[in-house]
Amino acid sequence: MIKPKVAQKAFQTQEDLLRNVDLLNENISVTNSKKAKDGAIIVGCNNIENSKKLKQLAADKLSNDYDVFVLRSEHPRVRIVGIPSCLNKESFMSYLKSQNSDLLADATEYRLLNFWPLKKNKKILQATVQLDIHTYKKVMKACGLLVGINICKLYDDTTVTRCFKCNGFDHKTKCPRPVICALCAGEHQVNTCHSGAKVCSNCRGLKHMHGFDISVDHPAWYYKSCFAFKFAEDKLRNVVFGEPVRIDISKIPNFKPTDVQSVPSTSSVQVFNRFEPLSDFKSSFLDRPQMRPM
């Protein structure tokens, strides 16, 4: 993102970038760009190397008038189940990449997020691995990954994370916001809550901000009834996978078109199970075959 220190029109930012950075001679391939608030622009490149190169050049030439930084990318996540209990995090990652090199060799994003045993069987381990979208698609077509002598099952784990401090989405650590109870939305820890009421702070916020006529009488962790979670997950999957937005906010009772930008109407609300097997998971971009026998 290239953001002017003083608000201006986005076309002025675009002109300054093109005037100071020669994209052709620097061999920087730009895939897309879009306008943001106060004249900022977001420029997409075809790979990480070009993004870093463009950031450095723009920062060198435009730092007096602009802030230049790389936005956090959203990547799909895969939950891998059936890892031998004799492996630790390091050995698991070594086995995973060496035994599945045809799928993971060209990965630009390959990161272990979590590694823990199943609740029902502590001898069976599972892991959450974050991948770039192209590697993700290849892995899902294979329907299984070899780790040691086990062919591990795969589950989609691309979902919205919730902060346990403020209940907000897409962050978990270093939260500067005040503590909000996930049970009643009061300003106290959930383990000290003595209120008999159940109020979701996220749905309450949407209702107050946009006038949505939605239910708020559920805990923030009860995703089955939480409209705010479904709404956030819908936007996440649109960004990561390019899936169409399924929630048409213009059809929500008491919706005011002047409050927020309209969202293209596609279909009725469709809820994604964060631990739904890929063999059953419906996606707009990939027809995933059944898991091969173990």
C-alpha atoms as a PDB file:
ATOM      1  CA  MET A   1       0.000   0.000   0.000  1.00  0.00           C
ATOM      2  CA  ILE A   2       1.129   3.508  -0.831  1.00  0.00           C
ATOM      3  CA  LYS A   3      -0.589   5.992   1.477  1.00  0.00           C
ATOM      4  CA  PRO A   4      -0.149   9.770   1.258  1.00  0.00           C
ATOM      5  CA  LYS A   5       0.680  11.531   4.514  1.00  0.00           C
ATOM      6  CA  VAL A   6      -1.794  14.242   3.526  1.00  0.00           C
ATOM      7  CA  ALA A   7      -5.147  13.164   2.075  1.00  0.00           C
ATOM      8  CA  GLN A   8      -5.478  13.610  -1.681  1.00  0.00           C
ATOM      9  CA  LYS A   9      -7.060  12.014  -4.733  1.00  0.00           C
ATOM     10  CA  ALA A  10      -5.963   8.478  -5.612  1.00  0.00           C
ATOM     11  CA  PHE A  11      -5.066   9.434  -9.193  1.00  0.00           C
ATOM     12  CA  GLN A  12      -2.402  11.815  -7.790  1.00  0.00           C
ATOM     13  CA  THR A  13      -0.848   8.920  -5.860  1.00  0.00           C
ATOM     14  CA  GLN A  14      -0.858   6.776  -8.999  1.00  0.00           C
ATOM     15  CA  GLU A  15       0.823   9.523 -11.030  1.00  0.00           C
ATOM     16  CA  ASP A  16       3.525  10.040  -8.396  1.00  0.00           C
ATOM     17  CA  LEU A  17       4.256   6.321  -8.298  1.00  0.00           C
ATOM     18  CA  LEU A  18       4.564   5.991 -12.088  1.00  0.00           C
ATOM     19  CA  ARG A  19       6.625   9.179 -12.312  1.00  0.00           C
ATOM     20  CA  ASN A  20       9.184   7.982  -9.771  1.00  0.00           C
ATOM     21  CA  VAL A  21       9.275   4.204 -10.293  1.00  0.00           C
ATOM     22  CA  ASP A  22       9.946   2.771 -13.765  1.00  0.00           C
ATOM     23  CA  LEU A  23       8.047  -0.532 -13.589  1.00  0.00           C
ATOM     24  CA  LEU A  24       9.187  -1.674 -17.044  1.00  0.00           C
ATOM     25  CA  ASN A  25      12.911  -1.110 -16.594  1.00  0.00           C
ATOM     26  CA  GLU A  26      12.789  -2.553 -13.077  1.00  0.00           C
ATOM     27  CA  ASN A  27      10.956  -5.608 -14.481  1.00  0.00           C
ATOM     28  CA  ILE A  28       8.184  -5.408 -11.878  1.00  0.00           C
ATOM     29  CA  SER A  29       5.026  -7.227 -12.903  1.00  0.00           C
ATOM     30  CA  VAL A  30       1.866  -5.598 -11.497  1.00  0.00           C
ATOM     31  CA  THR A  31      -1.257  -7.752 -11.495  1.00  0.00           C
ATOM     32  CA  ASN A  32      -3.825  -5.297 -10.124  1.00  0.00           C
ATOM     33  CA  SER A  33      -4.341  -2.072  -8.231  1.00  0.00           C
ATOM     34  CA  LYS A  34      -7.226  -0.466  -6.391  1.00  0.00           C
ATOM     35  CA  LYS A  35      -8.015   2.757  -4.608  1.00  0.00           C
ATOM     36  CA  ALA A  36      -8.227   3.041  -0.824  1.00  0.00           C
ATOM     37  CA  LYS A  37      -9.158   5.729   1.694  1.00  0.00           C
ATOM     38  CA  ASP A  38      -7.649   9.254   1.581  1.00  0.00           C
ATOM     39  CA  GLY A  39      -5.909   8.709  -1.759  1.00  0.00           C
ATOM     40  CA  ALA A  40      -4.031   5.527  -0.862  1.00  0.00           C
ATOM     41  CA  ILE A  41      -3.606   2.824  -3.485  1.00  0.00           C
ATOM     42  CA  ILE A  42      -3.045  -0.906  -3.116  1.00  0.00           C
ATOM     43  CA  VAL A  43      -0.784  -2.434  -5.767  1.00  0.00           C
ATOM     44  CA  GLY A  44      -0.648  -6.185  -6.302  1.00  0.00           C
ATOM     45  CA  CYS A  45       2.380  -7.961  -7.787  1.00  0.00           C
ATOM     46  CA  ASN A  46       2.725 -11.434  -9.265  1.00  0.00           C
ATOM     47  CA  ASN A  47       5.086 -12.702  -6.531  1.00  0.00           C
ATOM     48  CA  ILE A  48       6.649 -11.832  -3.185  1.00  0.00           C
ATOM     49  CA  GLU A  49       9.979 -10.760  -4.697  1.00  0.00           C
ATOM     50  CA  ASN A  50       8.343  -8.130  -6.902  1.00  0.00           C
ATOM     51  CA  SER A  51       6.260  -6.891  -3.955  1.00  0.00           C
ATOM     52  CA  LYS A  52       9.394  -6.381  -1.859  1.00  0.00           C
ATOM     53  CA  LYS A  53      11.196  -4.728  -4.761  1.00  0.00           C
ATOM     54  CA  LEU A  54       8.343  -2.310  -5.448  1.00  0.00           C
ATOM     55  CA  LYS A  55       8.061  -1.476  -1.747  1.00  0.00           C
ATOM     56  CA  GLN A  56      11.760  -0.664  -1.516  1.00  0.00           C
ATOM     57  CA  LEU A  57      11.803   1.509  -4.653  1.00  0.00           C
ATOM     58  CA  ALA A  58       8.630   3.361  -3.685  1.00  0.00           C
ATOM     59  CA  ALA A  59       9.916   3.945  -0.159  1.00  0.00           C
ATOM     60  CA  ASP A  60      13.232   5.328  -1.486  1.00  0.00           C
ATOM     61  CA  LYS A  61      11.541   7.716  -3.924  1.00  0.00           C
ATOM     62  CA  LEU A  62       8.343   8.686  -2.116  1.00  0.00           C
ATOM     63  CA  SER A  63       9.103   8.460   1.615  1.00  0.00           C
ATOM     64  CA  ASN A  64       8.881  12.247   2.114  1.00  0.00           C
ATOM     65  CA  ASP A  65       5.223  12.361   1.114  1.00  0.00           C
ATOM     66  CA  TYR A  66       4.022   8.776   1.445  1.00  0.00           C
ATOM     67  CA  ASP A  67       3.984   5.822   3.816  1.00  0.00           C
ATOM     68  CA  VAL A  68       4.802   2.602   1.963  1.00  0.00           C
ATOM     69  CA  PHE A  69       4.189  -0.830   3.470  1.00  0.00           C
ATOM     70  CA  VAL A  70       3.214  -4.383   2.555  1.00  0.00           C
ATOM     71  CA  LEU A  71      -0.257  -5.434   3.589  1.00  0.00           C
ATOM     72  CA  ARG A  72      -0.718  -8.690   5.448  1.00  0.00           C
ATOM     73  CA  SER A  73      -1.741 -11.415   3.029  1.00  0.00           C
ATOM     74  CA  GLU A  74      -4.531 -13.854   3.752  1.00  0.00           C
ATOM     75  CA  HIS A  75      -3.644 -17.454   2.970  1.00  0.00           C
ATOM     76  CA  PRO A  76      -5.649 -20.690   3.088  1.00  0.00           C
ATOM     77  CA  ARG A  77      -5.010 -23.180   5.887  1.00  0.00           C
ATOM     78  CA  VAL A  78      -5.091 -26.957   5.926  1.00  0.00           C
ATOM     79  CA  ARG A  79      -5.590 -29.172   8.968  1.00  0.00           C
ATOM     80  CA  ILE A  80      -3.584 -32.400   8.648  1.00  0.00           C
ATOM     81  CA  VAL A  81      -4.826 -35.309  10.785  1.00  0.00           C
ATOM     82  CA  GLY A  82      -3.154 -38.672  11.427  1.00  0.00           C
ATOM     83  CA  ILE A  83       0.432 -37.643  12.163  1.00  0.00           C
ATOM     84  CA  PRO A  84       2.497 -40.343  13.962  1.00  0.00           C
ATOM     85  CA  SER A  85       2.802 -39.593  17.688  1.00  0.00           C
ATOM     86  CA  CYS A  86       6.580 -40.145  17.625  1.00  0.00           C
ATOM     87  CA  LEU A  87       7.120 -36.941  15.625  1.00  0.00           C
ATOM     88  CA  ASN A  88       7.638 -33.433  16.994  1.00  0.00           C
ATOM     89  CA  LYS A  89       7.085 -30.134  15.170  1.00  0.00           C
ATOM     90  CA  GLU A  90      10.495 -30.057  13.502  1.00  0.00           C
ATOM     91  CA  SER A  91      10.504 -33.673  12.331  1.00  0.00           C
ATOM     92  CA  PHE A  92       6.906 -33.375  11.120  1.00  0.00           C
ATOM     93  CA  MET A  93       7.754 -30.391   8.905  1.00  0.00           C
ATOM     94  CA  SER A  94      10.830 -32.195   7.555  1.00  0.00           C
ATOM     95  CA  TYR A  95       8.857 -35.325   6.690  1.00  0.00           C
ATOM     96  CA  LEU A  96       6.004 -33.303   5.225  1.00  0.00           C
ATOM     97  CA  LYS A  97       8.122 -31.349   2.758  1.00  0.00           C
ATOM     98  CA  SER A  98      10.564 -34.134   1.804  1.00  0.00           C
ATOM     99  CA  GLN A  99       7.895 -36.809   1.289  1.00  0.00           C
ATOM    100  CA  ASN A 100       5.532 -34.498  -0.600  1.00  0.00           C
ATOM    101  CA  SER A 101       8.065 -32.514  -2.609  1.00  0.00           C
ATOM    102  CA  ASP A 102       5.992 -32.770  -5.793  1.00  0.00           C
ATOM    103  CA  LEU A 103       3.289 -30.721  -4.056  1.00  0.00           C
ATOM    104  CA  LEU A 104       5.245 -28.443  -1.718  1.00  0.00           C
ATOM    105  CA  ALA A 105       8.552 -27.761  -3.493  1.00  0.00           C
ATOM    106  CA  ASP A 106       7.394 -24.479  -5.057  1.00  0.00           C
ATOM    107  CA  ALA A 107       5.396 -23.210  -2.081  1.00  0.00           C
ATOM    108  CA  THR A 108       5.849 -19.475  -1.448  1.00  0.00           C
ATOM    109  CA  GLU A 109       3.934 -19.708   1.843  1.00  0.00           C
ATOM    110  CA  TYR A 110       4.608 -22.742   4.043  1.00  0.00           C
ATOM    111  CA  ARG A 111       4.177 -22.243   7.771  1.00  0.00           C
ATOM    112  CA  LEU A 112       3.194 -24.389  10.734  1.00  0.00           C
ATOM    113  CA  LEU A 113       0.543 -22.636  12.829  1.00  0.00           C
ATOM    114  CA  ASN A 114      -0.456 -25.302  15.322  1.00  0.00           C
ATOM    115  CA  PHE A 115       0.538 -28.831  16.345  1.00  0.00           C
ATOM    116  CA  TRP A 116      -1.501 -30.777  18.907  1.00  0.00           C
ATOM    117  CA  PRO A 117      -3.090 -34.199  19.690  1.00  0.00           C
ATOM    118  CA  LEU A 118      -6.701 -35.172  19.075  1.00  0.00           C
ATOM    119  CA  LYS A 119      -8.980 -34.879  22.098  1.00  0.00           C
ATOM    120  CA  LYS A 120     -10.357 -38.398  21.733  1.00  0.00           C
ATOM    121  CA  ASN A 121      -7.023 -40.066  21.007  1.00  0.00           C
ATOM    122  CA  LYS A 122      -3.857 -38.426  22.331  1.00  0.00           C
ATOM    123  CA  LYS A 123      -1.710 -40.819  20.295  1.00  0.00           C
ATOM    124  CA  ILE A 124      -2.877 -39.252  17.049  1.00  0.00           C
ATOM    125  CA  LEU A 125      -1.497 -35.811  16.222  1.00  0.00           C
ATOM    126  CA  GLN A 126      -2.826 -33.061  13.982  1.00  0.00           C
ATOM    127  CA  ALA A 127      -1.405 -29.828  12.611  1.00  0.00           C
ATOM    128  CA  THR A 128      -2.577 -26.631  10.942  1.00  0.00           C
ATOM    129  CA  VAL A 129      -0.371 -25.519   8.050  1.00  0.00           C
ATOM    130  CA  GLN A 130      -0.725 -22.269   6.117  1.00  0.00           C
ATOM    131  CA  LEU A 131      -0.060 -22.432   2.363  1.00  0.00           C
ATOM    132  CA  ASP A 132      -0.213 -20.128  -0.622  1.00  0.00           C
ATOM    133  CA  ILE A 133      -3.309 -20.526  -2.782  1.00  0.00           C
ATOM    134  CA  HIS A 134      -1.573 -22.368  -5.641  1.00  0.00           C
ATOM    135  CA  THR A 135       0.029 -24.948  -3.341  1.00  0.00           C
ATOM    136  CA  TYR A 136      -3.257 -25.282  -1.476  1.00  0.00           C
ATOM    137  CA  LYS A 137      -5.085 -26.248  -4.669  1.00  0.00           C
ATOM    138  CA  LYS A 138      -2.464 -28.863  -5.569  1.00  0.00           C
ATOM    139  CA  VAL A 139      -2.568 -30.368  -2.081  1.00  0.00           C
ATOM    140  CA  MET A 140      -6.361 -30.619  -2.106  1.00  0.00           C
ATOM    141  CA  LYS A 141      -6.384 -32.396  -5.454  1.00  0.00           C
ATOM    142  CA  ALA A 142      -4.093 -35.040  -3.934  1.00  0.00           C
ATOM    143  CA  CYS A 143      -6.560 -35.462  -1.044  1.00  0.00           C
ATOM    144  CA  GLY A 144      -3.875 -36.750   1.312  1.00  0.00           C
ATOM    145  CA  LEU A 145      -0.289 -36.139   2.450  1.00  0.00           C
ATOM    146  CA  LEU A 146       2.299 -38.756   3.335  1.00  0.00           C
ATOM    147  CA  VAL A 147       3.955 -38.244   6.736  1.00  0.00           C
ATOM    148  CA  GLY A 148       6.245 -41.071   7.824  1.00  0.00           C
ATOM    149  CA  ILE A 149       4.295 -44.174   6.821  1.00  0.00           C
ATOM    150  CA  ASN A 150       0.870 -42.572   7.326  1.00  0.00           C
ATOM    151  CA  ILE A 151      -1.334 -40.987   4.685  1.00  0.00           C
ATOM    152  CA  CYS A 152      -2.882 -38.122   6.628  1.00  0.00           C
ATOM    153  CA  LYS A 153      -6.394 -36.844   6.067  1.00  0.00           C
ATOM    154  CA  LEU A 154      -6.961 -33.215   5.103  1.00  0.00           C
ATOM    155  CA  TYR A 155      -9.548 -30.728   6.302  1.00  0.00           C
ATOM    156  CA  ASP A 156     -10.088 -27.125   5.320  1.00  0.00           C
ATOM    157  CA  ASP A 157      -9.209 -24.836   8.225  1.00  0.00           C
ATOM    158  CA  THR A 158      -9.482 -21.469   6.499  1.00  0.00           C
ATOM    159  CA  THR A 159     -11.634 -19.622   8.963  1.00  0.00           C
ATOM    160  CA  VAL A 160     -11.878 -16.412  10.929  1.00  0.00           C
ATOM    161  CA  THR A 161      -9.956 -16.264  14.206  1.00  0.00           C
ATOM    162  CA  ARG A 162     -11.512 -14.632  17.279  1.00  0.00           C
ATOM    163  CA  CYS A 163      -9.616 -12.704  19.944  1.00  0.00           C
ATOM    164  CA  PHE A 164     -10.210 -14.114  23.438  1.00  0.00           C
ATOM    165  CA  LYS A 165      -9.771 -10.644  24.953  1.00  0.00           C
ATOM    166  CA  CYS A 166     -12.091  -8.363  22.959  1.00  0.00           C
ATOM    167  CA  ASN A 167     -13.913 -10.994  20.832  1.00  0.00           C
ATOM    168  CA  GLY A 168     -12.915  -9.149  17.648  1.00  0.00           C
ATOM    169  CA  PHE A 169     -11.945 -11.075  14.532  1.00  0.00           C
ATOM    170  CA  ASP A 170      -8.619 -11.624  12.731  1.00  0.00           C
ATOM    171  CA  HIS A 171      -6.263 -11.149  15.669  1.00  0.00           C
ATOM    172  CA  LYS A 172      -5.379 -13.091  18.808  1.00  0.00           C
ATOM    173  CA  THR A 173      -2.340 -11.478  20.399  1.00  0.00           C
ATOM    174  CA  LYS A 174      -1.232  -7.992  21.503  1.00  0.00           C
ATOM    175  CA  CYS A 175      -4.805  -6.716  21.514  1.00  0.00           C
ATOM    176  CA  PRO A 176      -4.957  -3.049  22.691  1.00  0.00           C
ATOM    177  CA  ARG A 177      -8.730  -3.094  23.155  1.00  0.00           C
ATOM    178  CA  PRO A 178     -10.492  -3.442  26.530  1.00  0.00           C
ATOM    179  CA  VAL A 179     -11.619  -6.825  27.835  1.00  0.00           C
ATOM    180  CA  ILE A 180     -15.104  -7.799  26.661  1.00  0.00           C
ATOM    181  CA  CYS A 181     -16.956 -10.775  28.113  1.00  0.00           C
ATOM    182  CA  ALA A 182     -17.749 -13.368  25.434  1.00  0.00           C
ATOM    183  CA  LEU A 183     -20.886 -14.392  27.320  1.00  0.00           C
ATOM    184  CA  CYS A 184     -22.690 -11.116  28.124  1.00  0.00           C
ATOM    185  CA  ALA A 185     -20.576  -8.442  26.315  1.00  0.00           C
ATOM    186  CA  GLY A 186     -19.782  -6.708  29.623  1.00  0.00           C
ATOM    187  CA  GLU A 187     -16.358  -5.227  30.399  1.00  0.00           C
ATOM    188  CA  HIS A 188     -15.009  -8.103  32.490  1.00  0.00           C
ATOM    189  CA  GLN A 189     -13.413 -11.536  32.069  1.00  0.00           C
ATOM    190  CA  VAL A 190     -15.765 -14.325  31.051  1.00  0.00           C
ATOM    191  CA  ASN A 191     -14.709 -16.454  34.043  1.00  0.00           C
ATOM    192  CA  THR A 192     -15.928 -13.725  36.415  1.00  0.00           C
ATOM    193  CA  CYS A 193     -19.263 -13.204  34.648  1.00  0.00           C
ATOM    194  CA  HIS A 194     -22.333 -13.359  36.908  1.00  0.00           C
ATOM    195  CA  SER A 195     -24.819 -12.016  34.385  1.00  0.00           C
ATOM    196  CA  GLY A 196     -27.629 -14.265  33.271  1.00  0.00           C
ATOM    197  CA  ALA A 197     -27.844 -12.511  29.901  1.00  0.00           C
ATOM    198  CA  LYS A 198     -26.259 -13.799  26.702  1.00  0.00           C
ATOM    199  CA  VAL A 199     -25.115 -11.054  24.342  1.00  0.00           C
ATOM    200  CA  CYS A 200     -22.721 -11.296  21.382  1.00  0.00           C
ATOM    201  CA  SER A 201     -20.612  -8.130  21.258  1.00  0.00           C
ATOM    202  CA  ASN A 202     -19.845  -8.619  17.546  1.00  0.00           C
ATOM    203  CA  CYS A 203     -23.475  -8.958  16.452  1.00  0.00           C
ATOM    204  CA  ARG A 204     -24.431  -6.100  18.761  1.00  0.00           C
ATOM    205  CA  GLY A 205     -21.811  -3.937  17.049  1.00  0.00           C
ATOM    206  CA  LEU A 206     -23.134  -4.758  13.568  1.00  0.00           C
ATOM    207  CA  LYS A 207     -26.695  -4.098  14.699  1.00  0.00           C
ATOM    208  CA  HIS A 208     -25.764  -0.737  16.185  1.00  0.00           C
ATOM    209  CA  MET A 209     -23.495   0.373  13.336  1.00  0.00           C
ATOM    210  CA  HIS A 210     -25.573  -0.696  10.312  1.00  0.00           C
ATOM    211  CA  GLY A 211     -29.078  -1.112  11.690  1.00  0.00           C
ATOM    212  CA  PHE A 212     -29.191  -4.856  10.961  1.00  0.00           C
ATOM    213  CA  ASP A 213     -32.170  -6.632  12.491  1.00  0.00           C
ATOM    214  CA  ILE A 214     -30.165  -9.640  13.710  1.00  0.00           C
ATOM    215  CA  SER A 215     -30.145 -11.747  16.845  1.00  0.00           C
ATOM    216  CA  VAL A 216     -27.598 -10.833  19.529  1.00  0.00           C
ATOM    217  CA  ASP A 217     -28.757 -13.230  22.284  1.00  0.00           C
ATOM    218  CA  HIS A 218     -25.942 -15.771  22.044  1.00  0.00           C
ATOM    219  CA  PRO A 219     -22.318 -15.983  23.279  1.00  0.00           C
ATOM    220  CA  ALA A 220     -19.604 -14.678  20.957  1.00  0.00           C
ATOM    221  CA  TRP A 221     -18.168 -18.194  20.611  1.00  0.00           C
ATOM    222  CA  TYR A 222     -21.465 -19.742  19.410  1.00  0.00           C
ATOM    223  CA  TYR A 223     -20.692 -19.506  15.703  1.00  0.00           C
ATOM    224  CA  LYS A 224     -23.753 -21.516  14.618  1.00  0.00           C
ATOM    225  CA  SER A 225     -26.020 -18.571  15.475  1.00  0.00           C
ATOM    226  CA  CYS A 226     -23.508 -15.738  15.105  1.00  0.00           C
ATOM    227  CA  PHE A 227     -24.261 -13.566  12.080  1.00  0.00           C
ATOM    228  CA  ALA A 228     -21.126 -11.481  12.637  1.00  0.00           C
ATOM    229  CA  PHE A 229     -18.923 -14.594  12.370  1.00  0.00           C
ATOM    230  CA  LYS A 230     -20.684 -15.783   9.187  1.00  0.00           C
ATOM    231  CA  PHE A 231     -20.351 -12.293   7.716  1.00  0.00           C
ATOM    232  CA  ALA A 232     -16.614 -12.100   8.541  1.00  0.00           C
ATOM    233  CA  GLU A 233     -15.949 -15.611   7.237  1.00  0.00           C
ATOM    234  CA  ASP A 234     -17.844 -14.841   4.046  1.00  0.00           C
ATOM    235  CA  LYS A 235     -15.565 -11.849   3.378  1.00  0.00           C
ATOM    236  CA  LEU A 236     -12.446 -13.878   4.259  1.00  0.00           C
ATOM    237  CA  ARG A 237     -13.239 -16.642   1.783  1.00  0.00           C
ATOM    238  CA  ASN A 238     -13.969 -14.018  -0.855  1.00  0.00           C
ATOM    239  CA  VAL A 239     -10.478 -12.546  -0.346  1.00  0.00           C
ATOM    240  CA  VAL A 240      -8.593 -15.870  -0.101  1.00  0.00           C
ATOM    241  CA  PHE A 241     -10.394 -18.004  -2.670  1.00  0.00           C
ATOM    242  CA  GLY A 242     -12.240 -15.473  -4.781  1.00  0.00           C
ATOM    243  CA  GLU A 243     -15.521 -17.137  -3.845  1.00  0.00           C
ATOM    244  CA  PRO A 244     -18.632 -14.991  -4.456  1.00  0.00           C
ATOM    245  CA  VAL A 245     -20.053 -13.144  -1.467  1.00  0.00           C
ATOM    246  CA  ARG A 246     -23.028 -15.185  -0.265  1.00  0.00           C
ATOM    247  CA  ILE A 247     -24.575 -12.780   2.238  1.00  0.00           C
ATOM    248  CA  ASP A 248     -26.641 -10.090   0.530  1.00  0.00           C
ATOM    249  CA  ILE A 249     -26.792  -7.389   3.204  1.00  0.00           C
ATOM    250  CA  SER A 250     -29.353  -5.409   1.202  1.00  0.00           C
ATOM    251  CA  LYS A 251     -31.906  -8.133   2.041  1.00  0.00           C
ATOM    252  CA  ILE A 252     -31.356  -7.965   5.804  1.00  0.00           C
ATOM    253  CA  PRO A 253     -34.344  -6.321   7.566  1.00  0.00           C
ATOM    254  CA  ASN A 254     -33.809  -2.678   8.554  1.00  0.00           C
ATOM    255  CA  PHE A 255     -30.785  -2.399   6.268  1.00  0.00           C
ATOM    256  CA  LYS A 256     -30.026   1.176   5.239  1.00  0.00           C
ATOM    257  CA  PRO A 257     -28.281   1.425   1.815  1.00  0.00           C
ATOM    258  CA  THR A 258     -26.588   4.696   2.819  1.00  0.00           C
ATOM    259  CA  ASP A 259     -24.769   3.103   5.781  1.00  0.00           C
ATOM    260  CA  VAL A 260     -22.493   0.691   3.910  1.00  0.00           C
ATOM    261  CA  GLN A 261     -21.567  -0.101   0.344  1.00  0.00           C
ATOM    262  CA  SER A 262     -23.778  -2.618  -1.415  1.00  0.00           C
ATOM    263  CA  VAL A 263     -22.611  -6.187  -1.845  1.00  0.00           C
ATOM    264  CA  PRO A 264     -23.472  -8.128  -5.041  1.00  0.00           C
ATOM    265  CA  SER A 265     -26.359 -10.510  -4.514  1.00  0.00           C
ATOM    266  CA  THR A 266     -25.481 -14.146  -5.165  1.00  0.00           C
ATOM    267  CA  SER A 267     -27.306 -16.673  -3.036  1.00  0.00           C
ATOM    268  CA  SER A 268     -28.697 -17.306   0.395  1.00  0.00           C
ATOM    269  CA  VAL A 269     -26.434 -17.437   3.452  1.00  0.00           C
ATOM    270  CA  GLN A 270     -24.262 -20.552   3.402  1.00  0.00           C
ATOM    271  CA  VAL A 271     -22.444 -21.527   6.578  1.00  0.00           C
ATOM    272  CA  PHE A 272     -19.038 -23.195   6.362  1.00  0.00           C
ATOM    273  CA  ASN A 273     -18.006 -25.707   9.003  1.00  0.00           C
ATOM    274  CA  ARG A 274     -14.419 -24.916  10.026  1.00  0.00           C
ATOM    275  CA  PHE A 275     -13.668 -28.643  10.355  1.00  0.00           C
ATOM    276  CA  GLU A 276     -15.695 -29.977   7.441  1.00  0.00           C
ATOM    277  CA  PRO A 277     -13.842 -32.728   5.493  1.00  0.00           C
ATOM    278  CA  LEU A 278     -12.635 -31.637   2.096  1.00  0.00           C
ATOM    279  CA  SER A 279     -14.261 -34.647   0.461  1.00  0.00           C
ATOM    280  CA  ASP A 280     -17.642 -33.084   1.320  1.00  0.00           C
ATOM    281  CA  PHE A 281     -16.715 -29.394   1.210  1.00  0.00           C
ATOM    282  CA  LYS A 282     -18.366 -27.473  -1.595  1.00  0.00           C
ATOM    283  CA  SER A 283     -16.214 -24.872  -3.273  1.00  0.00           C
ATOM    284  CA  SER A 284     -16.726 -22.609  -6.249  1.00  0.00           C
ATOM    285  CA  PHE A 285     -13.242 -23.167  -7.659  1.00  0.00           C
ATOM    286  CA  LEU A 286     -12.295 -26.774  -7.019  1.00  0.00           C
ATOM    287  CA  ASP A 287     -13.974 -30.147  -7.370  1.00  0.00           C
ATOM    288  CA  ARG A 288     -12.153 -32.165  -4.736  1.00  0.00           C
ATOM    289  CA  PRO A 289     -12.165 -35.975  -5.173  1.00  0.00           C
ATOM    290  CA  GLN A 290     -12.790 -38.441  -2.344  1.00  0.00           C
ATOM    291  CA  MET A 291     -10.000 -39.397   0.027  1.00  0.00           C
ATOM    292  CA  ARG A 292      -8.087 -42.412  -1.230  1.00  0.00           C
ATOM    293  CA  PRO A 293      -8.057 -45.465   1.100  1.00  0.00           C
ATOM    294  CA  MET A 294      -5.443 -45.523   3.833  1.00  0.00           C
END
